[in-house]
Amino acid sequence: MIKEVLIVEGRSDVARIRASHIDVDMITTDGFNLRPATIEQIRCAYEKRGIIILTDPDSAGERIRKYLTERFPQAKHAFIPRKDAIANNDLGVEQASPEAIRAALAKTRCVVFEPQNIFTIQDLLAARLNGTSDAADRRAAVGARLGIGYGNAKQFLKRLNHYGVTRAEWNQAVTDIDEVNDSERS
């Protein structure tokens, strides 16, 4: 059983996670409703067991994640890549495969209080994650490997420095996507 309580958006997410045979307690936000009673329930879980925020990889999910992170700064975060959360013309946790959900939870990260300034925009440019026609796809692939999700260049750089990504993890992720791209071209 996962020690922390998983925070998800809705009942469909809960059903999908249960169907994935993941033993975890969950609280739903009911989208961005976040009633006072729900916030209080999350606060209690946060203080007693810790929480992991797993929202949909869309703009609404990111708004919920940001809102909760401001209130619960030591929350852990799990991200399902967009490509793994699309099915039936819909995007969300409830569309993800059990493997994608387990992979996201295995890569759970915590925001660090003292953000590191390890990575700069120069790193993104050198890895072709900014300023190229395929930069968004490359950021999505690196974000999936690192477990930090997708973001535009500014958001991605912030996540690199705030989620404790190491230089070794970065180098491996960039190497991995370059190898995949090279093999696809062959």
C-alpha atoms as a PDB file:
ATOM      1  CA  MET A   1       0.000   0.000   0.000  1.00  0.00           C
ATOM      2  CA  ILE A   2       1.192   3.504  -0.820  1.00  0.00           C
ATOM      3  CA  LYS A   3       1.670   5.472   2.403  1.00  0.00           C
ATOM      4  CA  GLU A   4       0.558   8.832   1.011  1.00  0.00           C
ATOM      5  CA  VAL A   5      -2.999   9.683   0.008  1.00  0.00           C
ATOM      6  CA  LEU A   6      -3.452  10.173  -3.727  1.00  0.00           C
ATOM      7  CA  ILE A   7      -5.259  13.335  -4.820  1.00  0.00           C
ATOM      8  CA  VAL A   8      -7.098  12.936  -8.134  1.00  0.00           C
ATOM      9  CA  GLU A   9      -9.731  14.935  -9.971  1.00  0.00           C
ATOM     10  CA  GLY A  10     -12.728  12.643 -10.127  1.00  0.00           C
ATOM     11  CA  ARG A  11     -14.469   9.321  -9.569  1.00  0.00           C
ATOM     12  CA  SER A  12     -13.442   8.016 -12.992  1.00  0.00           C
ATOM     13  CA  ASP A  13      -9.801   8.486 -11.977  1.00  0.00           C
ATOM     14  CA  VAL A  14     -10.438   6.536  -8.763  1.00  0.00           C
ATOM     15  CA  ALA A  15     -12.089   3.719 -10.718  1.00  0.00           C
ATOM     16  CA  ARG A  16      -9.183   3.537 -13.173  1.00  0.00           C
ATOM     17  CA  ILE A  17      -6.593   3.438 -10.396  1.00  0.00           C
ATOM     18  CA  ARG A  18      -8.545   0.749  -8.519  1.00  0.00           C
ATOM     19  CA  ALA A  19      -8.813  -1.262 -11.764  1.00  0.00           C
ATOM     20  CA  SER A  20      -5.010  -0.953 -12.035  1.00  0.00           C
ATOM     21  CA  HIS A  21      -4.705  -2.875  -8.741  1.00  0.00           C
ATOM     22  CA  ILE A  22      -2.925  -0.062  -6.934  1.00  0.00           C
ATOM     23  CA  ASP A  23      -3.500  -0.126  -3.191  1.00  0.00           C
ATOM     24  CA  VAL A  24      -3.839   3.526  -2.200  1.00  0.00           C
ATOM     25  CA  ASP A  25      -6.317   5.778  -0.425  1.00  0.00           C
ATOM     26  CA  MET A  26      -7.648   8.595  -2.608  1.00  0.00           C
ATOM     27  CA  ILE A  27      -9.382  11.942  -2.320  1.00  0.00           C
ATOM     28  CA  THR A  28     -11.144  13.501  -5.309  1.00  0.00           C
ATOM     29  CA  THR A  29     -11.169  17.229  -5.960  1.00  0.00           C
ATOM     30  CA  ASP A  30     -14.271  16.995  -8.184  1.00  0.00           C
ATOM     31  CA  GLY A  31     -12.454  19.058 -10.782  1.00  0.00           C
ATOM     32  CA  PHE A  32     -11.677  22.577  -9.660  1.00  0.00           C
ATOM     33  CA  ASN A  33     -14.636  22.677  -7.245  1.00  0.00           C
ATOM     34  CA  LEU A  34     -12.409  22.085  -4.212  1.00  0.00           C
ATOM     35  CA  ARG A  35     -15.050  22.686  -1.587  1.00  0.00           C
ATOM     36  CA  PRO A  36     -13.850  23.751   1.893  1.00  0.00           C
ATOM     37  CA  ALA A  37     -14.629  20.270   3.238  1.00  0.00           C
ATOM     38  CA  THR A  38     -12.445  18.728   0.516  1.00  0.00           C
ATOM     39  CA  ILE A  39      -9.570  21.118   1.267  1.00  0.00           C
ATOM     40  CA  GLU A  40      -9.870  20.195   4.949  1.00  0.00           C
ATOM     41  CA  GLN A  41      -9.830  16.493   4.095  1.00  0.00           C
ATOM     42  CA  ILE A  42      -6.705  17.012   1.963  1.00  0.00           C
ATOM     43  CA  ARG A  43      -5.091  19.062   4.742  1.00  0.00           C
ATOM     44  CA  CYS A  44      -5.635  16.252   7.267  1.00  0.00           C
ATOM     45  CA  ALA A  45      -4.162  13.686   4.867  1.00  0.00           C
ATOM     46  CA  TYR A  46      -1.233  16.007   4.113  1.00  0.00           C
ATOM     47  CA  GLU A  47      -0.402  16.448   7.792  1.00  0.00           C
ATOM     48  CA  LYS A  48      -0.859  12.809   8.814  1.00  0.00           C
ATOM     49  CA  ARG A  49       0.364  10.765   5.824  1.00  0.00           C
ATOM     50  CA  GLY A  50       1.457  13.097   3.053  1.00  0.00           C
ATOM     51  CA  ILE A  51      -0.193  13.467  -0.320  1.00  0.00           C
ATOM     52  CA  ILE A  52       0.648  12.740  -3.944  1.00  0.00           C
ATOM     53  CA  ILE A  53      -1.040  14.972  -6.505  1.00  0.00           C
ATOM     54  CA  LEU A  54      -1.960  13.161  -9.740  1.00  0.00           C
ATOM     55  CA  THR A  55      -4.047  15.398 -11.995  1.00  0.00           C
ATOM     56  CA  ASP A  56      -4.886  15.201 -15.686  1.00  0.00           C
ATOM     57  CA  PRO A  57      -2.128  16.383 -18.047  1.00  0.00           C
ATOM     58  CA  ASP A  58      -4.198  19.326 -19.300  1.00  0.00           C
ATOM     59  CA  SER A  59      -4.562  23.004 -18.393  1.00  0.00           C
ATOM     60  CA  ALA A  60      -7.334  22.352 -15.835  1.00  0.00           C
ATOM     61  CA  GLY A  61      -5.224  19.642 -14.176  1.00  0.00           C
ATOM     62  CA  GLU A  62      -2.247  21.980 -14.033  1.00  0.00           C
ATOM     63  CA  ARG A  63      -4.387  24.729 -12.416  1.00  0.00           C
ATOM     64  CA  ILE A  64      -5.556  22.271  -9.759  1.00  0.00           C
ATOM     65  CA  ARG A  65      -1.964  21.091  -9.193  1.00  0.00           C
ATOM     66  CA  LYS A  66      -0.731  24.692  -8.824  1.00  0.00           C
ATOM     67  CA  TYR A  67      -3.557  25.589  -6.428  1.00  0.00           C
ATOM     68  CA  LEU A  68      -2.885  22.550  -4.232  1.00  0.00           C
ATOM     69  CA  THR A  69       0.895  23.035  -4.331  1.00  0.00           C
ATOM     70  CA  GLU A  70       0.511  26.591  -3.022  1.00  0.00           C
ATOM     71  CA  ARG A  71      -1.462  25.266  -0.040  1.00  0.00           C
ATOM     72  CA  PHE A  72       0.502  22.050   0.473  1.00  0.00           C
ATOM     73  CA  PRO A  73       4.115  22.837  -0.486  1.00  0.00           C
ATOM     74  CA  GLN A  74       5.551  19.477   0.627  1.00  0.00           C
ATOM     75  CA  ALA A  75       3.119  17.483  -1.505  1.00  0.00           C
ATOM     76  CA  LYS A  76       4.602  14.926  -3.846  1.00  0.00           C
ATOM     77  CA  HIS A  77       3.751  14.979  -7.528  1.00  0.00           C
ATOM     78  CA  ALA A  78       3.142  12.269 -10.122  1.00  0.00           C
ATOM     79  CA  PHE A  79       2.705  13.022 -13.803  1.00  0.00           C
ATOM     80  CA  ILE A  80       1.245  10.866 -16.558  1.00  0.00           C
ATOM     81  CA  PRO A  81       2.575  11.940 -19.973  1.00  0.00           C
ATOM     82  CA  ARG A  82      -0.113  13.272 -22.324  1.00  0.00           C
ATOM     83  CA  LYS A  83       0.599  10.550 -24.889  1.00  0.00           C
ATOM     84  CA  ASP A  84      -0.166   7.910 -22.229  1.00  0.00           C
ATOM     85  CA  ALA A  85      -3.383   9.593 -21.056  1.00  0.00           C
ATOM     86  CA  ILE A  86      -5.300   9.813 -24.340  1.00  0.00           C
ATOM     87  CA  ALA A  87      -8.027   7.373 -25.358  1.00  0.00           C
ATOM     88  CA  ASN A  88     -11.583   7.538 -26.656  1.00  0.00           C
ATOM     89  CA  ASN A  89     -11.072  11.147 -27.798  1.00  0.00           C
ATOM     90  CA  ASP A  90     -10.456  12.163 -24.175  1.00  0.00           C
ATOM     91  CA  LEU A  91      -7.447  13.144 -22.092  1.00  0.00           C
ATOM     92  CA  GLY A  92      -7.057  12.268 -18.440  1.00  0.00           C
ATOM     93  CA  VAL A  93      -5.925   9.889 -15.738  1.00  0.00           C
ATOM     94  CA  GLU A  94      -9.020   7.784 -16.377  1.00  0.00           C
ATOM     95  CA  GLN A  95      -7.778   7.158 -19.933  1.00  0.00           C
ATOM     96  CA  ALA A  96      -4.299   5.970 -18.882  1.00  0.00           C
ATOM     97  CA  SER A  97      -3.248   2.343 -18.882  1.00  0.00           C
ATOM     98  CA  PRO A  98      -2.452   0.600 -15.598  1.00  0.00           C
ATOM     99  CA  GLU A  99       1.214   0.540 -16.669  1.00  0.00           C
ATOM    100  CA  ALA A 100       1.250   4.317 -17.272  1.00  0.00           C
ATOM    101  CA  ILE A 101      -0.335   4.972 -13.873  1.00  0.00           C
ATOM    102  CA  ARG A 102       2.134   2.684 -12.089  1.00  0.00           C
ATOM    103  CA  ALA A 103       5.057   4.294 -13.957  1.00  0.00           C
ATOM    104  CA  ALA A 104       3.888   7.778 -12.950  1.00  0.00           C
ATOM    105  CA  LEU A 105       3.586   6.759  -9.294  1.00  0.00           C
ATOM    106  CA  ALA A 106       7.016   5.106  -9.416  1.00  0.00           C
ATOM    107  CA  LYS A 107       8.519   8.437 -10.539  1.00  0.00           C
ATOM    108  CA  THR A 108       6.838  10.532  -7.840  1.00  0.00           C
ATOM    109  CA  ARG A 109       8.791  13.681  -7.040  1.00  0.00           C
ATOM    110  CA  CYS A 110       8.690  16.268  -4.284  1.00  0.00           C
ATOM    111  CA  VAL A 111       9.152  19.991  -4.752  1.00  0.00           C
ATOM    112  CA  VAL A 112      12.372  21.028  -3.036  1.00  0.00           C
ATOM    113  CA  PHE A 113      12.228  23.988  -0.679  1.00  0.00           C
ATOM    114  CA  GLU A 114      15.536  25.339  -1.857  1.00  0.00           C
ATOM    115  CA  PRO A 115      15.190  25.178  -5.622  1.00  0.00           C
ATOM    116  CA  GLN A 116      18.423  24.336  -7.329  1.00  0.00           C
ATOM    117  CA  ASN A 117      19.686  26.420 -10.185  1.00  0.00           C
ATOM    118  CA  ILE A 118      21.372  23.493 -11.867  1.00  0.00           C
ATOM    119  CA  PHE A 119      19.615  23.925 -15.200  1.00  0.00           C
ATOM    120  CA  THR A 120      19.415  26.999 -17.416  1.00  0.00           C
ATOM    121  CA  ILE A 121      17.796  27.885 -20.699  1.00  0.00           C
ATOM    122  CA  GLN A 122      21.150  27.013 -22.289  1.00  0.00           C
ATOM    123  CA  ASP A 123      20.622  23.380 -21.247  1.00  0.00           C
ATOM    124  CA  LEU A 124      17.245  23.350 -22.978  1.00  0.00           C
ATOM    125  CA  LEU A 125      18.708  24.900 -26.116  1.00  0.00           C
ATOM    126  CA  ALA A 126      21.644  22.469 -26.193  1.00  0.00           C
ATOM    127  CA  ALA A 127      19.260  19.496 -25.832  1.00  0.00           C
ATOM    128  CA  ARG A 128      16.961  20.946 -28.537  1.00  0.00           C
ATOM    129  CA  LEU A 129      14.122  21.301 -26.006  1.00  0.00           C
ATOM    130  CA  ASN A 130      13.594  24.936 -26.958  1.00  0.00           C
ATOM    131  CA  GLY A 131      13.913  26.832 -30.208  1.00  0.00           C
ATOM    132  CA  THR A 132      13.436  23.913 -32.607  1.00  0.00           C
ATOM    133  CA  SER A 133      10.411  22.625 -34.489  1.00  0.00           C
ATOM    134  CA  ASP A 134      10.346  19.417 -32.438  1.00  0.00           C
ATOM    135  CA  ALA A 135      11.148  21.028 -29.055  1.00  0.00           C
ATOM    136  CA  ALA A 136       7.673  20.434 -27.585  1.00  0.00           C
ATOM    137  CA  ASP A 137       7.799  16.733 -28.462  1.00  0.00           C
ATOM    138  CA  ARG A 138      11.315  16.434 -27.055  1.00  0.00           C
ATOM    139  CA  ARG A 139      10.277  18.184 -23.787  1.00  0.00           C
ATOM    140  CA  ALA A 140       7.323  15.794 -23.523  1.00  0.00           C
ATOM    141  CA  ALA A 141       9.631  12.790 -23.991  1.00  0.00           C
ATOM    142  CA  VAL A 142      12.258  14.015 -21.501  1.00  0.00           C
ATOM    143  CA  GLY A 143       9.543  15.026 -19.017  1.00  0.00           C
ATOM    144  CA  ALA A 144       8.016  11.550 -19.245  1.00  0.00           C
ATOM    145  CA  ARG A 145      11.382   9.903 -18.589  1.00  0.00           C
ATOM    146  CA  LEU A 146      12.110  12.188 -15.627  1.00  0.00           C
ATOM    147  CA  GLY A 147       8.581  11.994 -14.210  1.00  0.00           C
ATOM    148  CA  ILE A 148       8.070  15.756 -14.234  1.00  0.00           C
ATOM    149  CA  GLY A 149       5.425  15.999 -16.939  1.00  0.00           C
ATOM    150  CA  TYR A 150       5.161  18.327 -19.900  1.00  0.00           C
ATOM    151  CA  GLY A 151       5.474  22.090 -19.853  1.00  0.00           C
ATOM    152  CA  ASN A 152       6.436  24.961 -22.067  1.00  0.00           C
ATOM    153  CA  ALA A 153      10.150  25.854 -21.896  1.00  0.00           C
ATOM    154  CA  LYS A 154       9.754  28.200 -18.912  1.00  0.00           C
ATOM    155  CA  GLN A 155       7.608  25.729 -16.921  1.00  0.00           C
ATOM    156  CA  PHE A 156       9.880  22.833 -17.846  1.00  0.00           C
ATOM    157  CA  LEU A 157      12.988  24.667 -16.643  1.00  0.00           C
ATOM    158  CA  LYS A 158      11.225  25.511 -13.376  1.00  0.00           C
ATOM    159  CA  ARG A 159      10.272  21.856 -12.874  1.00  0.00           C
ATOM    160  CA  LEU A 160      13.827  20.694 -13.567  1.00  0.00           C
ATOM    161  CA  ASN A 161      15.122  22.985 -10.836  1.00  0.00           C
ATOM    162  CA  HIS A 162      12.246  22.535  -8.376  1.00  0.00           C
ATOM    163  CA  TYR A 163      11.763  18.759  -8.486  1.00  0.00           C
ATOM    164  CA  GLY A 164      15.319  17.784  -7.617  1.00  0.00           C
ATOM    165  CA  VAL A 165      16.321  16.433 -11.029  1.00  0.00           C
ATOM    166  CA  THR A 166      20.014  15.608 -11.044  1.00  0.00           C
ATOM    167  CA  ARG A 167      22.431  16.280 -13.861  1.00  0.00           C
ATOM    168  CA  ALA A 168      22.938  12.505 -14.256  1.00  0.00           C
ATOM    169  CA  GLU A 169      19.161  11.931 -14.618  1.00  0.00           C
ATOM    170  CA  TRP A 170      19.005  14.768 -17.149  1.00  0.00           C
ATOM    171  CA  ASN A 171      21.908  13.454 -19.196  1.00  0.00           C
ATOM    172  CA  GLN A 172      20.414   9.954 -19.275  1.00  0.00           C
ATOM    173  CA  ALA A 173      16.960  11.186 -20.303  1.00  0.00           C
ATOM    174  CA  VAL A 174      18.341  13.344 -23.121  1.00  0.00           C
ATOM    175  CA  THR A 175      20.588  10.481 -24.293  1.00  0.00           C
ATOM    176  CA  ASP A 176      17.632   8.085 -24.228  1.00  0.00           C
ATOM    177  CA  ILE A 177      15.414  10.268 -26.416  1.00  0.00           C
ATOM    178  CA  ASP A 178      18.297  10.939 -28.822  1.00  0.00           C
ATOM    179  CA  GLU A 179      18.863   7.182 -29.149  1.00  0.00           C
ATOM    180  CA  VAL A 180      15.152   6.597 -29.768  1.00  0.00           C
ATOM    181  CA  ASN A 181      15.095   9.349 -32.403  1.00  0.00           C
ATOM    182  CA  ASP A 182      18.254   7.958 -34.058  1.00  0.00           C
ATOM    183  CA  SER A 183      16.808   4.446 -34.223  1.00  0.00           C
ATOM    184  CA  GLU A 184      13.544   5.766 -35.710  1.00  0.00           C
ATOM    185  CA  ARG A 185      15.482   7.540 -38.461  1.00  0.00           C
ATOM    186  CA  SER A 186      17.455   4.376 -39.330  1.00  0.00           C
END
